[in-house]
Amino acid sequence: MSNIAVDRLLSPSVVALLVLWSVPLIGAPPAVEATACAILQKPSAFNGKLVYVKGTVKSGFENFSLCEGGCGAIWVDFADDRLVSPRPNFQLARDAQFGEFERLIKASSVAEVTLLGRLDGVDEVRTTTHVTHQRKHKDGTFSAVVGQGSTGFGHMGQYKARLVVKQVLTVGPTPTLPSPIPPPQTP
């Protein structure tokens, strides 16, 4: 290759593009690695942060959560869920890892994962009750429609933390414990 070809290849615009591709987005905060247990000790410390978290995702009736050990659970939502508020500033990566995650969850309702996403958290879940409609009946009695609100996340607002998933980084089946070996039978 001639010197002229190398000079053209390394023109200022090409060098600038290479530098820009190698630098993370300016102003984009780096992701923090955390355990579910650490997050649940003080969810507000992770509020709004991009986190990597490992654990077991469980899916079932009114449950879609990530847990680790016996310290509680974090609600899981996907970035493209239209009901997630506030809206994330990223999109869900629906790649091969996500496809495998979906397959495992549908097949067995559990999966071992590492997820990347925005953590939303409160240190205490508070519930409120309010009357949305009140009516006085002819016999002098009253009836009311009562609503409930919560500062928490997930089903009935009962979770202190929610992970809005940006990407499934690792996924695998949940290991099962080996069955105990039966005692030998004597003749």
C-alpha atoms as a PDB file:
ATOM      1  CA  MET A   1       0.000   0.000   0.000  1.00  0.00           C
ATOM      2  CA  SER A   2       1.414   3.377  -0.952  1.00  0.00           C
ATOM      3  CA  ASN A   3       1.878   6.277   1.442  1.00  0.00           C
ATOM      4  CA  ILE A   4      -0.791   8.222  -0.448  1.00  0.00           C
ATOM      5  CA  ALA A   5      -3.327   5.429   0.136  1.00  0.00           C
ATOM      6  CA  VAL A   6      -2.472   5.304   3.847  1.00  0.00           C
ATOM      7  CA  ASP A   7      -2.778   9.105   4.110  1.00  0.00           C
ATOM      8  CA  ARG A   8      -6.246   8.963   2.515  1.00  0.00           C
ATOM      9  CA  LEU A   9      -7.265   6.077   4.738  1.00  0.00           C
ATOM     10  CA  LEU A  10      -6.214   8.014   7.845  1.00  0.00           C
ATOM     11  CA  SER A  11      -7.774  11.298   6.818  1.00  0.00           C
ATOM     12  CA  PRO A  12      -8.879  13.550   9.712  1.00  0.00           C
ATOM     13  CA  SER A  13     -12.536  12.618   9.234  1.00  0.00           C
ATOM     14  CA  VAL A  14     -11.788   8.863   9.415  1.00  0.00           C
ATOM     15  CA  VAL A  15      -9.655   9.353  12.532  1.00  0.00           C
ATOM     16  CA  ALA A  16     -12.427  11.440  14.125  1.00  0.00           C
ATOM     17  CA  LEU A  17     -15.002   8.710  13.422  1.00  0.00           C
ATOM     18  CA  LEU A  18     -12.767   6.030  14.924  1.00  0.00           C
ATOM     19  CA  VAL A  19     -12.285   8.112  18.068  1.00  0.00           C
ATOM     20  CA  LEU A  20     -16.009   8.790  18.404  1.00  0.00           C
ATOM     21  CA  TRP A  21     -16.890   5.091  18.037  1.00  0.00           C
ATOM     22  CA  SER A  22     -14.457   4.140  20.777  1.00  0.00           C
ATOM     23  CA  VAL A  23     -15.745   6.675  23.333  1.00  0.00           C
ATOM     24  CA  PRO A  24     -18.971   6.008  25.272  1.00  0.00           C
ATOM     25  CA  LEU A  25     -21.786   8.480  24.805  1.00  0.00           C
ATOM     26  CA  ILE A  26     -20.964  11.724  26.552  1.00  0.00           C
ATOM     27  CA  GLY A  27     -23.279  12.270  29.493  1.00  0.00           C
ATOM     28  CA  ALA A  28     -24.460   8.652  29.520  1.00  0.00           C
ATOM     29  CA  PRO A  29     -23.911   7.344  33.039  1.00  0.00           C
ATOM     30  CA  PRO A  30     -22.112   4.023  33.310  1.00  0.00           C
ATOM     31  CA  ALA A  31     -24.063   1.030  34.531  1.00  0.00           C
ATOM     32  CA  VAL A  32     -23.598  -0.111  38.130  1.00  0.00           C
ATOM     33  CA  GLU A  33     -23.308  -3.798  39.036  1.00  0.00           C
ATOM     34  CA  ALA A  34     -25.527  -4.686  41.989  1.00  0.00           C
ATOM     35  CA  THR A  35     -27.147  -7.681  43.624  1.00  0.00           C
ATOM     36  CA  ALA A  36     -30.881  -7.896  44.186  1.00  0.00           C
ATOM     37  CA  CYS A  37     -30.241  -8.065  47.940  1.00  0.00           C
ATOM     38  CA  ALA A  38     -28.125  -4.886  47.882  1.00  0.00           C
ATOM     39  CA  ILE A  39     -30.772  -3.088  45.849  1.00  0.00           C
ATOM     40  CA  LEU A  40     -33.565  -4.123  48.202  1.00  0.00           C
ATOM     41  CA  GLN A  41     -31.651  -2.899  51.277  1.00  0.00           C
ATOM     42  CA  LYS A  42     -31.952   0.702  50.001  1.00  0.00           C
ATOM     43  CA  PRO A  43     -33.761   0.901  46.645  1.00  0.00           C
ATOM     44  CA  SER A  44     -33.708   4.708  46.580  1.00  0.00           C
ATOM     45  CA  ALA A  45     -29.881   4.616  46.329  1.00  0.00           C
ATOM     46  CA  PHE A  46     -30.260   2.995  42.892  1.00  0.00           C
ATOM     47  CA  ASN A  47     -33.295   5.002  41.753  1.00  0.00           C
ATOM     48  CA  GLY A  48     -32.913   6.096  38.128  1.00  0.00           C
ATOM     49  CA  LYS A  49     -29.552   4.334  37.689  1.00  0.00           C
ATOM     50  CA  LEU A  50     -28.641   1.875  34.965  1.00  0.00           C
ATOM     51  CA  VAL A  51     -27.771  -1.416  36.707  1.00  0.00           C
ATOM     52  CA  TYR A  52     -26.576  -4.930  35.926  1.00  0.00           C
ATOM     53  CA  VAL A  53     -28.283  -7.441  38.191  1.00  0.00           C
ATOM     54  CA  LYS A  54     -28.168 -11.257  38.312  1.00  0.00           C
ATOM     55  CA  GLY A  55     -30.834 -13.517  39.699  1.00  0.00           C
ATOM     56  CA  THR A  56     -33.788 -15.752  39.029  1.00  0.00           C
ATOM     57  CA  VAL A  57     -36.726 -14.347  37.099  1.00  0.00           C
ATOM     58  CA  LYS A  58     -40.041 -15.919  38.048  1.00  0.00           C
ATOM     59  CA  SER A  59     -43.157 -15.518  35.959  1.00  0.00           C
ATOM     60  CA  GLY A  60     -46.658 -16.511  36.928  1.00  0.00           C
ATOM     61  CA  PHE A  61     -50.104 -15.237  37.789  1.00  0.00           C
ATOM     62  CA  GLU A  62     -49.684 -11.561  38.740  1.00  0.00           C
ATOM     63  CA  ASN A  63     -45.929 -12.075  39.185  1.00  0.00           C
ATOM     64  CA  PHE A  64     -42.961 -11.143  37.019  1.00  0.00           C
ATOM     65  CA  SER A  65     -40.047 -10.594  39.328  1.00  0.00           C
ATOM     66  CA  LEU A  66     -36.332 -11.107  39.856  1.00  0.00           C
ATOM     67  CA  CYS A  67     -35.000 -12.488  43.126  1.00  0.00           C
ATOM     68  CA  GLU A  68     -31.747 -13.649  44.638  1.00  0.00           C
ATOM     69  CA  GLY A  69     -31.587 -15.651  47.819  1.00  0.00           C
ATOM     70  CA  GLY A  70     -34.299 -14.917  50.341  1.00  0.00           C
ATOM     71  CA  CYS A  71     -34.084 -11.129  50.456  1.00  0.00           C
ATOM     72  CA  GLY A  72     -37.219 -10.283  48.452  1.00  0.00           C
ATOM     73  CA  ALA A  73     -38.016  -9.566  44.835  1.00  0.00           C
ATOM     74  CA  ILE A  74     -37.706  -6.802  42.260  1.00  0.00           C
ATOM     75  CA  TRP A  75     -40.558  -6.292  39.803  1.00  0.00           C
ATOM     76  CA  VAL A  76     -39.511  -6.624  36.140  1.00  0.00           C
ATOM     77  CA  ASP A  77     -40.902  -4.562  33.250  1.00  0.00           C
ATOM     78  CA  PHE A  78     -39.671  -4.266  29.669  1.00  0.00           C
ATOM     79  CA  ALA A  79     -38.626  -0.920  28.229  1.00  0.00           C
ATOM     80  CA  ASP A  80     -41.166  -1.226  25.402  1.00  0.00           C
ATOM     81  CA  ASP A  81     -44.140  -1.707  27.761  1.00  0.00           C
ATOM     82  CA  ARG A  82     -46.376   1.291  27.081  1.00  0.00           C
ATOM     83  CA  LEU A  83     -47.508   1.400  30.724  1.00  0.00           C
ATOM     84  CA  VAL A  84     -43.997   1.991  32.112  1.00  0.00           C
ATOM     85  CA  SER A  85     -43.787   5.472  33.565  1.00  0.00           C
ATOM     86  CA  PRO A  86     -41.558   7.380  33.442  1.00  0.00           C
ATOM     87  CA  ARG A  87     -40.637   6.259  29.950  1.00  0.00           C
ATOM     88  CA  PRO A  88     -37.046   5.021  29.640  1.00  0.00           C
ATOM     89  CA  ASN A  89     -34.610   6.839  27.351  1.00  0.00           C
ATOM     90  CA  PHE A  90     -33.610   3.524  25.727  1.00  0.00           C
ATOM     91  CA  GLN A  91     -35.233   0.695  23.813  1.00  0.00           C
ATOM     92  CA  LEU A  92     -35.433  -2.987  24.676  1.00  0.00           C
ATOM     93  CA  ALA A  93     -32.893  -5.106  22.783  1.00  0.00           C
ATOM     94  CA  ARG A  94     -35.003  -7.901  21.294  1.00  0.00           C
ATOM     95  CA  ASP A  95     -31.996  -9.997  20.287  1.00  0.00           C
ATOM     96  CA  ALA A  96     -31.156 -13.719  20.480  1.00  0.00           C
ATOM     97  CA  GLN A  97     -30.624 -13.546  24.272  1.00  0.00           C
ATOM     98  CA  PHE A  98     -34.046 -11.973  24.709  1.00  0.00           C
ATOM     99  CA  GLY A  99     -35.573 -14.676  22.499  1.00  0.00           C
ATOM    100  CA  GLU A 100     -33.991 -17.396  24.640  1.00  0.00           C
ATOM    101  CA  PHE A 101     -35.250 -15.643  27.778  1.00  0.00           C
ATOM    102  CA  GLU A 102     -38.805 -15.591  26.416  1.00  0.00           C
ATOM    103  CA  ARG A 103     -38.563 -19.269  25.437  1.00  0.00           C
ATOM    104  CA  LEU A 104     -37.370 -20.326  28.913  1.00  0.00           C
ATOM    105  CA  ILE A 105     -39.980 -18.259  30.731  1.00  0.00           C
ATOM    106  CA  LYS A 106     -42.783 -19.713  28.599  1.00  0.00           C
ATOM    107  CA  ALA A 107     -41.477 -23.262  29.067  1.00  0.00           C
ATOM    108  CA  SER A 108     -40.759 -23.286  32.797  1.00  0.00           C
ATOM    109  CA  SER A 109     -41.742 -19.906  34.312  1.00  0.00           C
ATOM    110  CA  VAL A 110     -38.186 -19.419  35.668  1.00  0.00           C
ATOM    111  CA  ALA A 111     -34.800 -18.454  34.252  1.00  0.00           C
ATOM    112  CA  GLU A 112     -31.367 -17.538  35.598  1.00  0.00           C
ATOM    113  CA  VAL A 113     -30.427 -14.182  34.075  1.00  0.00           C
ATOM    114  CA  THR A 114     -28.214 -11.152  34.080  1.00  0.00           C
ATOM    115  CA  LEU A 115     -30.261  -8.107  33.137  1.00  0.00           C
ATOM    116  CA  LEU A 116     -29.310  -4.536  32.280  1.00  0.00           C
ATOM    117  CA  GLY A 117     -31.891  -1.864  32.933  1.00  0.00           C
ATOM    118  CA  ARG A 118     -33.036   1.216  34.801  1.00  0.00           C
ATOM    119  CA  LEU A 119     -33.820   0.673  38.451  1.00  0.00           C
ATOM    120  CA  ASP A 120     -36.745   2.531  39.984  1.00  0.00           C
ATOM    121  CA  GLY A 121     -36.913   2.257  43.750  1.00  0.00           C
ATOM    122  CA  VAL A 122     -38.491   3.515  46.959  1.00  0.00           C
ATOM    123  CA  ASP A 123     -37.361   2.613  50.457  1.00  0.00           C
ATOM    124  CA  GLU A 124     -40.892   2.198  51.762  1.00  0.00           C
ATOM    125  CA  VAL A 125     -44.089   1.291  49.951  1.00  0.00           C
ATOM    126  CA  ARG A 126     -46.922   3.536  51.059  1.00  0.00           C
ATOM    127  CA  THR A 127     -50.538   2.911  50.155  1.00  0.00           C
ATOM    128  CA  THR A 128     -53.320   5.438  50.050  1.00  0.00           C
ATOM    129  CA  THR A 129     -57.068   4.992  50.016  1.00  0.00           C
ATOM    130  CA  HIS A 130     -59.450   7.530  48.531  1.00  0.00           C
ATOM    131  CA  VAL A 131     -63.156   7.725  47.786  1.00  0.00           C
ATOM    132  CA  THR A 132     -63.744   8.031  44.059  1.00  0.00           C
ATOM    133  CA  HIS A 133     -67.548   8.132  44.188  1.00  0.00           C
ATOM    134  CA  GLN A 134     -70.007   8.459  47.046  1.00  0.00           C
ATOM    135  CA  ARG A 135     -73.797   8.037  46.980  1.00  0.00           C
ATOM    136  CA  LYS A 136     -76.562   8.531  49.523  1.00  0.00           C
ATOM    137  CA  HIS A 137     -79.421   6.048  49.235  1.00  0.00           C
ATOM    138  CA  LYS A 138     -83.145   6.688  49.906  1.00  0.00           C
ATOM    139  CA  ASP A 139     -82.953   4.780  53.191  1.00  0.00           C
ATOM    140  CA  GLY A 140     -80.280   7.178  54.472  1.00  0.00           C
ATOM    141  CA  THR A 141     -77.331   4.846  54.028  1.00  0.00           C
ATOM    142  CA  PHE A 142     -74.232   5.697  52.033  1.00  0.00           C
ATOM    143  CA  SER A 143     -72.167   3.667  49.605  1.00  0.00           C
ATOM    144  CA  ALA A 144     -68.832   4.537  48.114  1.00  0.00           C
ATOM    145  CA  VAL A 145     -66.360   3.367  45.553  1.00  0.00           C
ATOM    146  CA  VAL A 146     -62.936   3.322  47.127  1.00  0.00           C
ATOM    147  CA  GLY A 147     -59.679   3.438  45.185  1.00  0.00           C
ATOM    148  CA  GLN A 148     -56.202   2.567  46.298  1.00  0.00           C
ATOM    149  CA  GLY A 149     -52.845   3.924  45.267  1.00  0.00           C
ATOM    150  CA  SER A 150     -49.288   2.928  46.055  1.00  0.00           C
ATOM    151  CA  THR A 151     -45.781   4.315  45.789  1.00  0.00           C
ATOM    152  CA  GLY A 152     -44.546   0.804  44.929  1.00  0.00           C
ATOM    153  CA  PHE A 153     -44.266  -1.122  41.689  1.00  0.00           C
ATOM    154  CA  GLY A 154     -45.739  -4.200  40.077  1.00  0.00           C
ATOM    155  CA  HIS A 155     -48.890  -6.029  41.030  1.00  0.00           C
ATOM    156  CA  MET A 156     -50.864  -3.946  43.515  1.00  0.00           C
ATOM    157  CA  GLY A 157     -47.821  -1.671  43.939  1.00  0.00           C
ATOM    158  CA  GLN A 158     -46.324  -4.069  46.476  1.00  0.00           C
ATOM    159  CA  TYR A 159     -42.686  -4.084  45.279  1.00  0.00           C
ATOM    160  CA  LYS A 160     -40.074  -1.570  46.520  1.00  0.00           C
ATOM    161  CA  ALA A 161     -38.082  -1.780  43.289  1.00  0.00           C
ATOM    162  CA  ARG A 162     -38.644  -2.238  39.571  1.00  0.00           C
ATOM    163  CA  LEU A 163     -36.125  -3.028  36.860  1.00  0.00           C
ATOM    164  CA  VAL A 164     -37.049  -1.614  33.446  1.00  0.00           C
ATOM    165  CA  VAL A 165     -35.124  -4.013  31.216  1.00  0.00           C
ATOM    166  CA  LYS A 166     -32.957  -2.675  28.434  1.00  0.00           C
ATOM    167  CA  GLN A 167     -31.154  -5.922  27.615  1.00  0.00           C
ATOM    168  CA  VAL A 168     -30.944  -9.567  28.651  1.00  0.00           C
ATOM    169  CA  LEU A 169     -27.183 -10.157  28.941  1.00  0.00           C
ATOM    170  CA  THR A 170     -27.113 -13.806  30.018  1.00  0.00           C
ATOM    171  CA  VAL A 171     -29.846 -16.396  30.272  1.00  0.00           C
ATOM    172  CA  GLY A 172     -30.031 -20.033  31.247  1.00  0.00           C
ATOM    173  CA  PRO A 173     -32.346 -22.531  32.855  1.00  0.00           C
ATOM    174  CA  THR A 174     -32.620 -22.560  36.616  1.00  0.00           C
ATOM    175  CA  PRO A 175     -30.540 -25.443  37.912  1.00  0.00           C
ATOM    176  CA  THR A 176     -32.514 -28.116  39.678  1.00  0.00           C
ATOM    177  CA  LEU A 177     -31.285 -29.838  42.781  1.00  0.00           C
ATOM    178  CA  PRO A 178     -30.374 -33.476  42.268  1.00  0.00           C
ATOM    179  CA  SER A 179     -32.901 -35.868  43.675  1.00  0.00           C
ATOM    180  CA  PRO A 180     -31.748 -37.680  46.783  1.00  0.00           C
ATOM    181  CA  ILE A 181     -30.244 -41.094  46.221  1.00  0.00           C
ATOM    182  CA  PRO A 182     -32.573 -43.742  47.610  1.00  0.00           C
ATOM    183  CA  PRO A 183     -31.051 -45.989  50.275  1.00  0.00           C
ATOM    184  CA  PRO A 184     -29.931 -49.364  49.029  1.00  0.00           C
ATOM    185  CA  GLN A 185     -32.524 -52.051  49.411  1.00  0.00           C
ATOM    186  CA  THR A 186     -31.616 -55.228  51.224  1.00  0.00           C
ATOM    187  CA  PRO A 187     -32.704 -58.569  49.767  1.00  0.00           C
END
